[in-house]
Amino acid sequence: KGEHRVGMVGRSSGVSCMKWMHPQCFALNMRIEYAPTGRARCNADRDGALIGKGEPRLLMRMMKTSCGGEVVAKAQQIYKPANAAALLTRYLSVEGVSVTA
């Protein structure tokens, strides 16, 4: 109680619901990678062009650990780096948030 949380819409039993995580834990789950396919769209521009295979993309993820101990995605949003810049600047300005461990 009284702590900041990051919320992201996820799925549970086929129903959309809000998932919550501490800001610092969320920051450590962000990742930049090259798109393995050309099928994803940027969450900031849902009507825009697909993110092409091999293009850089930012993944904002909320993670959980399964009963078997493996880490699986709980919720994920994909952004083109240019579209995520303003969002990241605002998020990283929250006190106590850093992308370094």
Protein backbone atom coordinates (compact mmCIF):
# COMPACT_ATOMS: atom_id res chain seq x y z
CA LYS A 1 0.00 0.00 0.00
CA GLY A 2 1.12 3.51 -0.74
CA GLU A 3 3.67 2.33 -3.34
CA HIS A 4 3.73 3.13 -7.05
CA ARG A 5 2.69 0.32 -9.41
CA VAL A 6 2.83 -0.15 -13.17
CA GLY A 7 -0.38 -1.48 -14.70
CA MET A 8 -0.74 -3.30 -18.00
CA VAL A 9 -3.70 -5.02 -19.58
CA GLY A 10 -3.16 -8.77 -19.80
CA ARG A 11 -5.23 -11.94 -20.21
CA SER A 12 -6.32 -14.45 -17.60
CA SER A 13 -8.57 -17.40 -18.47
CA GLY A 14 -9.49 -15.68 -21.73
CA VAL A 15 -10.58 -12.43 -20.06
CA SER A 16 -8.79 -9.06 -20.24
CA CYS A 17 -7.65 -7.83 -16.82
CA MET A 18 -5.18 -5.36 -15.33
CA LYS A 19 -1.82 -6.79 -14.18
CA TRP A 20 0.34 -4.85 -11.67
CA MET A 21 4.08 -4.75 -10.91
CA HIS A 22 6.53 -2.59 -8.94
CA PRO A 23 8.07 0.04 -11.26
CA GLN A 24 11.66 -1.17 -10.74
CA CYS A 25 10.72 -4.82 -11.42
CA PHE A 26 8.90 -3.70 -14.57
CA ALA A 27 11.96 -1.70 -15.73
CA LEU A 28 14.17 -4.77 -15.39
CA ASN A 29 11.79 -6.74 -17.65
CA MET A 30 11.99 -4.26 -20.56
CA ARG A 31 13.95 -5.56 -23.48
CA ILE A 32 15.10 -4.41 -26.92
CA GLU A 33 15.43 -7.04 -29.62
CA TYR A 34 15.25 -7.48 -33.37
CA ALA A 35 11.81 -8.57 -34.60
CA PRO A 36 11.93 -12.31 -35.41
CA THR A 37 8.97 -11.98 -37.82
CA GLY A 38 7.24 -9.16 -39.64
CA ARG A 39 3.81 -9.64 -38.03
CA ALA A 40 3.79 -7.36 -34.95
CA ARG A 41 2.42 -3.81 -34.81
CA CYS A 42 3.53 -1.01 -32.53
CA ASN A 43 1.12 -0.48 -29.61
CA ALA A 44 1.46 3.29 -30.03
CA ASP A 45 0.40 3.12 -33.71
CA ARG A 46 -2.04 0.20 -34.11
CA ASP A 47 -3.05 1.33 -37.62
CA GLY A 48 0.54 1.86 -38.78
CA ALA A 49 2.85 -0.41 -40.68
CA LEU A 50 4.00 -3.72 -39.28
CA ILE A 51 7.38 -3.88 -37.54
CA GLY A 52 9.50 -5.54 -40.21
CA LYS A 53 11.56 -8.67 -39.65
CA GLY A 54 14.96 -7.67 -38.29
CA GLU A 55 13.86 -4.18 -37.19
CA PRO A 56 14.59 -3.18 -33.58
CA ARG A 57 11.61 -3.19 -31.21
CA LEU A 58 11.04 -2.50 -27.52
CA LEU A 59 9.18 -5.07 -25.44
CA MET A 60 7.54 -3.96 -22.20
CA ARG A 61 6.78 -7.15 -20.33
CA MET A 62 5.29 -8.30 -17.07
CA MET A 63 6.79 -11.64 -16.16
CA LYS A 64 5.85 -14.49 -13.86
CA THR A 65 7.44 -17.79 -12.91
CA SER A 66 5.56 -21.01 -13.68
CA CYS A 67 5.17 -23.89 -11.24
CA GLY A 68 8.10 -25.60 -13.00
CA GLY A 69 10.34 -22.61 -12.32
CA GLU A 70 10.47 -21.34 -15.91
CA VAL A 71 9.88 -17.66 -16.63
CA VAL A 72 6.91 -16.99 -18.92
CA ALA A 73 5.39 -13.74 -20.20
CA LYS A 74 2.31 -12.61 -18.35
CA ALA A 75 1.61 -9.54 -20.48
CA GLN A 76 3.58 -7.81 -23.21
CA GLN A 77 3.41 -4.66 -25.32
CA ILE A 78 5.59 -4.06 -28.38
CA TYR A 79 6.78 -0.63 -29.55
CA LYS A 80 8.95 0.84 -32.28
CA PRO A 81 11.76 2.61 -30.38
CA ALA A 82 10.91 6.03 -31.86
CA ASN A 83 7.26 5.70 -30.74
CA ALA A 84 8.25 4.64 -27.21
CA ALA A 85 10.72 7.48 -26.54
CA ALA A 86 8.24 9.87 -24.87
CA LEU A 87 6.64 7.05 -22.85
CA LEU A 88 10.04 5.80 -21.63
CA THR A 89 11.21 9.30 -20.70
CA ARG A 90 8.11 9.79 -18.55
CA TYR A 91 8.36 6.33 -16.98
CA LEU A 92 12.07 6.59 -16.16
CA SER A 93 11.46 9.92 -14.41
CA VAL A 94 9.58 8.08 -11.61
CA GLU A 95 11.64 8.13 -8.41
CA GLY A 96 13.52 4.89 -7.79
CA VAL A 97 13.24 3.55 -11.35
CA SER A 98 16.41 2.57 -13.19
CA VAL A 99 17.07 0.18 -16.07
CA THR A 100 20.27 -1.05 -14.47
CA ALA A 101 20.22 -3.84 -11.90
